[in-house]
Amino acid sequence: MKKRLFLSALVAVGLSFTSCKKCSECHYDGPNGEIELGEYCGDDLEELEGSGTEINGVKYEVHCHEH
């Protein structure tokens, strides 16, 4: 029983270290309200937050939040 509990804890800790990739749901505020862009992770998320998005020649600030 102790061996099974230890192995379960070890697996849980291992998974938590390998799944540190930050992902967030992102959107921008368009002229007709909030527009969802979907989920972005890692470098794609940082680039989108930093540079925003351009739609039809208009640049919008992108907002992302973790889920």
PDB file of N, CA and C in Angstrom:
ATOM      1  N   MET A   1       0.832  -1.202   0.000  1.00  0.00           N
ATOM      2  CA  MET A   1       0.000   0.000   0.000  1.00  0.00           C
ATOM      3  C   MET A   1       0.872   1.259   0.000  1.00  0.00           C
ATOM      4  N   LYS A   2       1.907   1.274   0.834  1.00  0.00           N
ATOM      5  CA  LYS A   2       2.792   2.436   0.886  1.00  0.00           C
ATOM      6  C   LYS A   2       3.535   2.617  -0.430  1.00  0.00           C
ATOM      7  N   LYS A   3       3.906   1.510  -1.057  1.00  0.00           N
ATOM      8  CA  LYS A   3       4.627   1.571  -2.313  1.00  0.00           C
ATOM      9  C   LYS A   3       3.744   2.194  -3.405  1.00  0.00           C
ATOM     10  N   ARG A   4       2.480   1.821  -3.439  1.00  0.00           N
ATOM     11  CA  ARG A   4       1.541   2.356  -4.429  1.00  0.00           C
ATOM     12  C   ARG A   4       1.318   3.858  -4.208  1.00  0.00           C
ATOM     13  N   LEU A   5       1.178   4.264  -2.954  1.00  0.00           N
ATOM     14  CA  LEU A   5       0.987   5.676  -2.624  1.00  0.00           C
ATOM     15  C   LEU A   5       2.224   6.487  -3.020  1.00  0.00           C
ATOM     16  N   PHE A   6       3.403   5.941  -2.733  1.00  0.00           N
ATOM     17  CA  PHE A   6       4.647   6.620  -3.083  1.00  0.00           C
ATOM     18  C   PHE A   6       4.768   6.775  -4.595  1.00  0.00           C
ATOM     19  N   LEU A   7       4.474   5.728  -5.349  1.00  0.00           N
ATOM     20  CA  LEU A   7       4.559   5.789  -6.805  1.00  0.00           C
ATOM     21  C   LEU A   7       3.559   6.796  -7.384  1.00  0.00           C
ATOM     22  N   SER A   8       2.369   6.831  -6.819  1.00  0.00           N
ATOM     23  CA  SER A   8       1.351   7.794  -7.278  1.00  0.00           C
ATOM     24  C   SER A   8       1.818   9.225  -7.036  1.00  0.00           C
ATOM     25  N   ALA A   9       2.387   9.472  -5.873  1.00  0.00           N
ATOM     26  CA  ALA A   9       2.891  10.804  -5.545  1.00  0.00           C
ATOM     27  C   ALA A   9       4.050  11.177  -6.467  1.00  0.00           C
ATOM     28  N   LEU A  10       4.925  10.222  -6.741  1.00  0.00           N
ATOM     29  CA  LEU A  10       6.061  10.465  -7.613  1.00  0.00           C
ATOM     30  C   LEU A  10       5.606  10.819  -9.030  1.00  0.00           C
ATOM     31  N   VAL A  11       4.621  10.112  -9.532  1.00  0.00           N
ATOM     32  CA  VAL A  11       4.079  10.397 -10.860  1.00  0.00           C
ATOM     33  C   VAL A  11       3.434  11.783 -10.892  1.00  0.00           C
ATOM     34  N   ALA A  12       2.683  12.130  -9.861  1.00  0.00           N
ATOM     35  CA  ALA A  12       2.028  13.444  -9.801  1.00  0.00           C
ATOM     36  C   ALA A  12       3.058  14.573  -9.804  1.00  0.00           C
ATOM     37  N   VAL A  13       4.122  14.415  -9.043  1.00  0.00           N
ATOM     38  CA  VAL A  13       5.171  15.435  -8.997  1.00  0.00           C
ATOM     39  C   VAL A  13       5.862  15.526 -10.353  1.00  0.00           C
ATOM     40  N   GLY A  14       6.140  14.407 -10.966  1.00  0.00           N
ATOM     41  CA  GLY A  14       6.785  14.389 -12.275  1.00  0.00           C
ATOM     42  C   GLY A  14       5.946  15.085 -13.331  1.00  0.00           C
ATOM     43  N   LEU A  15       4.660  14.838 -13.328  1.00  0.00           N
ATOM     44  CA  LEU A  15       3.769  15.477 -14.297  1.00  0.00           C
ATOM     45  C   LEU A  15       3.672  16.979 -14.081  1.00  0.00           C
ATOM     46  N   SER A  16       3.696  17.415 -12.831  1.00  0.00           N
ATOM     47  CA  SER A  16       3.590  18.843 -12.556  1.00  0.00           C
ATOM     48  C   SER A  16       4.817  19.587 -13.071  1.00  0.00           C
ATOM     49  N   PHE A  17       5.984  18.949 -13.048  1.00  0.00           N
ATOM     50  CA  PHE A  17       7.191  19.597 -13.556  1.00  0.00           C
ATOM     51  C   PHE A  17       7.241  19.606 -15.078  1.00  0.00           C
ATOM     52  N   THR A  18       6.656  18.634 -15.720  1.00  0.00           N
ATOM     53  CA  THR A  18       6.706  18.574 -17.176  1.00  0.00           C
ATOM     54  C   THR A  18       5.592  19.373 -17.833  1.00  0.00           C
ATOM     55  N   SER A  19       4.583  19.781 -17.077  1.00  0.00           N
ATOM     56  CA  SER A  19       3.464  20.506 -17.667  1.00  0.00           C
ATOM     57  C   SER A  19       3.465  21.977 -17.251  1.00  0.00           C
ATOM     58  N   CYS A  20       4.618  22.600 -17.197  1.00  0.00           N
ATOM     59  CA  CYS A  20       4.739  23.992 -16.776  1.00  0.00           C
ATOM     60  C   CYS A  20       4.538  24.969 -17.936  1.00  0.00           C
ATOM     61  N   LYS A  21       4.155  24.492 -19.074  1.00  0.00           N
ATOM     62  CA  LYS A  21       3.947  25.356 -20.232  1.00  0.00           C
ATOM     63  C   LYS A  21       2.711  26.213 -19.972  1.00  0.00           C
ATOM     64  N   LYS A  22       2.907  27.517 -19.954  1.00  0.00           N
ATOM     65  CA  LYS A  22       1.825  28.448 -19.663  1.00  0.00           C
ATOM     66  C   LYS A  22       0.890  28.561 -20.865  1.00  0.00           C
ATOM     67  N   CYS A  23      -0.375  28.312 -20.643  1.00  0.00           N
ATOM     68  CA  CYS A  23      -1.399  28.458 -21.683  1.00  0.00           C
ATOM     69  C   CYS A  23      -2.503  29.377 -21.175  1.00  0.00           C
ATOM     70  N   SER A  24      -3.065  30.148 -22.074  1.00  0.00           N
ATOM     71  CA  SER A  24      -4.133  31.079 -21.706  1.00  0.00           C
ATOM     72  C   SER A  24      -5.119  31.250 -22.849  1.00  0.00           C
ATOM     73  N   GLU A  25      -6.336  31.587 -22.488  1.00  0.00           N
ATOM     74  CA  GLU A  25      -7.361  31.970 -23.449  1.00  0.00           C
ATOM     75  C   GLU A  25      -7.176  33.449 -23.752  1.00  0.00           C
ATOM     76  N   CYS A  26      -7.214  33.823 -25.022  1.00  0.00           N
ATOM     77  CA  CYS A  26      -6.938  35.201 -25.418  1.00  0.00           C
ATOM     78  C   CYS A  26      -8.107  35.806 -26.198  1.00  0.00           C
ATOM     79  N   HIS A  27      -8.211  37.137 -26.119  1.00  0.00           N
ATOM     80  CA  HIS A  27      -9.235  37.879 -26.859  1.00  0.00           C
ATOM     81  C   HIS A  27      -8.753  39.303 -27.096  1.00  0.00           C
ATOM     82  N   TYR A  28      -9.435  39.999 -27.982  1.00  0.00           N
ATOM     83  CA  TYR A  28      -9.223  41.436 -28.146  1.00  0.00           C
ATOM     84  C   TYR A  28     -10.583  42.110 -28.177  1.00  0.00           C
ATOM     85  N   ASP A  29     -10.581  43.408 -27.870  1.00  0.00           N
ATOM     86  CA  ASP A  29     -11.816  44.182 -27.860  1.00  0.00           C
ATOM     87  C   ASP A  29     -11.971  44.882 -29.204  1.00  0.00           C
ATOM     88  N   GLY A  30     -12.846  44.346 -30.047  1.00  0.00           N
ATOM     89  CA  GLY A  30     -13.107  44.909 -31.365  1.00  0.00           C
ATOM     90  C   GLY A  30     -14.179  45.970 -31.298  1.00  0.00           C
ATOM     91  N   PRO A  31     -14.504  46.574 -32.432  1.00  0.00           N
ATOM     92  CA  PRO A  31     -15.514  47.637 -32.455  1.00  0.00           C
ATOM     93  C   PRO A  31     -16.913  47.140 -32.069  1.00  0.00           C
ATOM     94  N   ASN A  32     -17.169  45.844 -32.234  1.00  0.00           N
ATOM     95  CA  ASN A  32     -18.486  45.286 -31.887  1.00  0.00           C
ATOM     96  C   ASN A  32     -18.448  44.413 -30.646  1.00  0.00           C
ATOM     97  N   GLY A  33     -17.401  44.570 -29.836  1.00  0.00           N
ATOM     98  CA  GLY A  33     -17.303  43.791 -28.608  1.00  0.00           C
ATOM     99  C   GLY A  33     -16.094  42.865 -28.604  1.00  0.00           C
ATOM    100  N   GLU A  34     -16.052  42.010 -27.603  1.00  0.00           N
ATOM    101  CA  GLU A  34     -14.917  41.111 -27.387  1.00  0.00           C
ATOM    102  C   GLU A  34     -14.880  39.988 -28.425  1.00  0.00           C
ATOM    103  N   ILE A  35     -13.708  39.753 -29.008  1.00  0.00           N
ATOM    104  CA  ILE A  35     -13.509  38.710 -30.007  1.00  0.00           C
ATOM    105  C   ILE A  35     -12.546  37.667 -29.429  1.00  0.00           C
ATOM    106  N   GLU A  36     -13.010  36.440 -29.303  1.00  0.00           N
ATOM    107  CA  GLU A  36     -12.187  35.353 -28.777  1.00  0.00           C
ATOM    108  C   GLU A  36     -11.202  34.874 -29.840  1.00  0.00           C
ATOM    109  N   LEU A  37      -9.953  34.657 -29.429  1.00  0.00           N
ATOM    110  CA  LEU A  37      -8.924  34.158 -30.331  1.00  0.00           C
ATOM    111  C   LEU A  37      -8.562  32.707 -30.050  1.00  0.00           C
ATOM    112  N   GLY A  38      -9.001  32.174 -28.921  1.00  0.00           N
ATOM    113  CA  GLY A  38      -8.685  30.792 -28.564  1.00  0.00           C
ATOM    114  C   GLY A  38      -7.531  30.706 -27.588  1.00  0.00           C
ATOM    115  N   GLU A  39      -7.003  29.500 -27.443  1.00  0.00           N
ATOM    116  CA  GLU A  39      -5.950  29.238 -26.474  1.00  0.00           C
ATOM    117  C   GLU A  39      -4.578  29.294 -27.141  1.00  0.00           C
ATOM    118  N   TYR A  40      -3.645  29.968 -26.480  1.00  0.00           N
ATOM    119  CA  TYR A  40      -2.265  30.060 -26.937  1.00  0.00           C
ATOM    120  C   TYR A  40      -1.355  29.652 -25.795  1.00  0.00           C
ATOM    121  N   CYS A  41      -0.199  29.075 -26.143  1.00  0.00           N
ATOM    122  CA  CYS A  41       0.738  28.574 -25.149  1.00  0.00           C
ATOM    123  C   CYS A  41       2.160  29.031 -25.453  1.00  0.00           C
ATOM    124  N   GLY A  42       2.979  29.074 -24.413  1.00  0.00           N
ATOM    125  CA  GLY A  42       4.413  29.293 -24.539  1.00  0.00           C
ATOM    126  C   GLY A  42       4.789  30.532 -25.323  1.00  0.00           C
ATOM    127  N   ASP A  43       5.692  30.363 -26.299  1.00  0.00           N
ATOM    128  CA  ASP A  43       6.200  31.481 -27.093  1.00  0.00           C
ATOM    129  C   ASP A  43       5.098  32.155 -27.900  1.00  0.00           C
ATOM    130  N   ASP A  44       4.154  31.374 -28.412  1.00  0.00           N
ATOM    131  CA  ASP A  44       3.038  31.958 -29.179  1.00  0.00           C
ATOM    132  C   ASP A  44       2.227  32.907 -28.306  1.00  0.00           C
ATOM    133  N   LEU A  45       2.005  32.524 -27.052  1.00  0.00           N
ATOM    134  CA  LEU A  45       1.253  33.354 -26.121  1.00  0.00           C
ATOM    135  C   LEU A  45       2.001  34.653 -25.836  1.00  0.00           C
ATOM    136  N   GLU A  46       3.279  34.561 -25.544  1.00  0.00           N
ATOM    137  CA  GLU A  46       4.065  35.753 -25.240  1.00  0.00           C
ATOM    138  C   GLU A  46       4.136  36.696 -26.433  1.00  0.00           C
ATOM    139  N   GLU A  47       4.295  36.148 -27.634  1.00  0.00           N
ATOM    140  CA  GLU A  47       4.354  36.976 -28.842  1.00  0.00           C
ATOM    141  C   GLU A  47       3.024  37.689 -29.088  1.00  0.00           C
ATOM    142  N   LEU A  48       1.913  36.975 -28.925  1.00  0.00           N
ATOM    143  CA  LEU A  48       0.594  37.564 -29.146  1.00  0.00           C
ATOM    144  C   LEU A  48       0.307  38.667 -28.132  1.00  0.00           C
ATOM    145  N   GLU A  49       0.640  38.418 -26.863  1.00  0.00           N
ATOM    146  CA  GLU A  49       0.428  39.443 -25.835  1.00  0.00           C
ATOM    147  C   GLU A  49       1.314  40.666 -26.084  1.00  0.00           C
ATOM    148  N   GLY A  50       2.533  40.425 -26.541  1.00  0.00           N
ATOM    149  CA  GLY A  50       3.472  41.520 -26.750  1.00  0.00           C
ATOM    150  C   GLY A  50       3.185  42.360 -27.973  1.00  0.00           C
ATOM    151  N   SER A  51       2.786  41.724 -29.071  1.00  0.00           N
ATOM    152  CA  SER A  51       2.610  42.471 -30.317  1.00  0.00           C
ATOM    153  C   SER A  51       1.153  42.733 -30.681  1.00  0.00           C
ATOM    154  N   GLY A  52       0.215  42.053 -30.051  1.00  0.00           N
ATOM    155  CA  GLY A  52      -1.191  42.241 -30.383  1.00  0.00           C
ATOM    156  C   GLY A  52      -1.546  41.538 -31.683  1.00  0.00           C
ATOM    157  N   THR A  53      -2.659  41.926 -32.262  1.00  0.00           N
ATOM    158  CA  THR A  53      -3.096  41.332 -33.527  1.00  0.00           C
ATOM    159  C   THR A  53      -3.586  42.445 -34.448  1.00  0.00           C
ATOM    160  N   GLU A  54      -3.419  42.239 -35.738  1.00  0.00           N
ATOM    161  CA  GLU A  54      -3.869  43.224 -36.719  1.00  0.00           C
ATOM    162  C   GLU A  54      -4.988  42.616 -37.556  1.00  0.00           C
ATOM    163  N   ILE A  55      -6.120  43.299 -37.581  1.00  0.00           N
ATOM    164  CA  ILE A  55      -7.287  42.861 -38.340  1.00  0.00           C
ATOM    165  C   ILE A  55      -7.693  43.990 -39.279  1.00  0.00           C
ATOM    166  N   ASN A  56      -7.698  43.722 -40.584  1.00  0.00           N
ATOM    167  CA  ASN A  56      -8.079  44.714 -41.599  1.00  0.00           C
ATOM    168  C   ASN A  56      -7.337  46.035 -41.436  1.00  0.00           C
ATOM    169  N   GLY A  57      -6.040  45.961 -41.158  1.00  0.00           N
ATOM    170  CA  GLY A  57      -5.218  47.153 -41.028  1.00  0.00           C
ATOM    171  C   GLY A  57      -5.307  47.865 -39.696  1.00  0.00           C
ATOM    172  N   VAL A  58      -6.098  47.348 -38.767  1.00  0.00           N
ATOM    173  CA  VAL A  58      -6.244  47.955 -37.444  1.00  0.00           C
ATOM    174  C   VAL A  58      -5.566  47.043 -36.429  1.00  0.00           C
ATOM    175  N   LYS A  59      -4.678  47.631 -35.613  1.00  0.00           N
ATOM    176  CA  LYS A  59      -3.961  46.850 -34.603  1.00  0.00           C
ATOM    177  C   LYS A  59      -4.728  46.888 -33.281  1.00  0.00           C
ATOM    178  N   TYR A  60      -4.930  45.690 -32.678  1.00  0.00           N
ATOM    179  CA  TYR A  60      -5.650  45.566 -31.425  1.00  0.00           C
ATOM    180  C   TYR A  60      -4.735  44.980 -30.361  1.00  0.00           C
ATOM    181  N   GLU A  61      -4.891  45.475 -29.146  1.00  0.00           N
ATOM    182  CA  GLU A  61      -4.191  44.915 -27.989  1.00  0.00           C
ATOM    183  C   GLU A  61      -4.895  43.618 -27.599  1.00  0.00           C
ATOM    184  N   VAL A  62      -4.113  42.567 -27.359  1.00  0.00           N
ATOM    185  CA  VAL A  62      -4.668  41.276 -26.994  1.00  0.00           C
ATOM    186  C   VAL A  62      -4.552  41.064 -25.491  1.00  0.00           C
ATOM    187  N   HIS A  63      -5.617  40.532 -24.902  1.00  0.00           N
ATOM    188  CA  HIS A  63      -5.649  40.239 -23.479  1.00  0.00           C
ATOM    189  C   HIS A  63      -5.777  38.726 -23.298  1.00  0.00           C
ATOM    190  N   CYS A  64      -4.940  38.171 -22.434  1.00  0.00           N
ATOM    191  CA  CYS A  64      -4.971  36.726 -22.187  1.00  0.00           C
ATOM    192  C   CYS A  64      -5.090  36.468 -20.691  1.00  0.00           C
ATOM    193  N   HIS A  65      -5.751  35.386 -20.339  1.00  0.00           N
ATOM    194  CA  HIS A  65      -5.865  35.001 -18.936  1.00  0.00           C
ATOM    195  C   HIS A  65      -5.742  33.497 -18.826  1.00  0.00           C
ATOM    196  N   GLU A  66      -5.094  33.063 -17.739  1.00  0.00           N
ATOM    197  CA  GLU A  66      -4.904  31.639 -17.519  1.00  0.00           C
ATOM    198  C   GLU A  66      -6.221  30.975 -17.131  1.00  0.00           C
ATOM    199  N   HIS A  67      -6.314  29.709 -17.418  1.00  0.00           N
ATOM    200  CA  HIS A  67      -7.513  28.957 -17.051  1.00  0.00           C
ATOM    201  C   HIS A  67      -7.129  27.767 -16.232  1.00  0.00           C
TER     202      HIS A  67
END
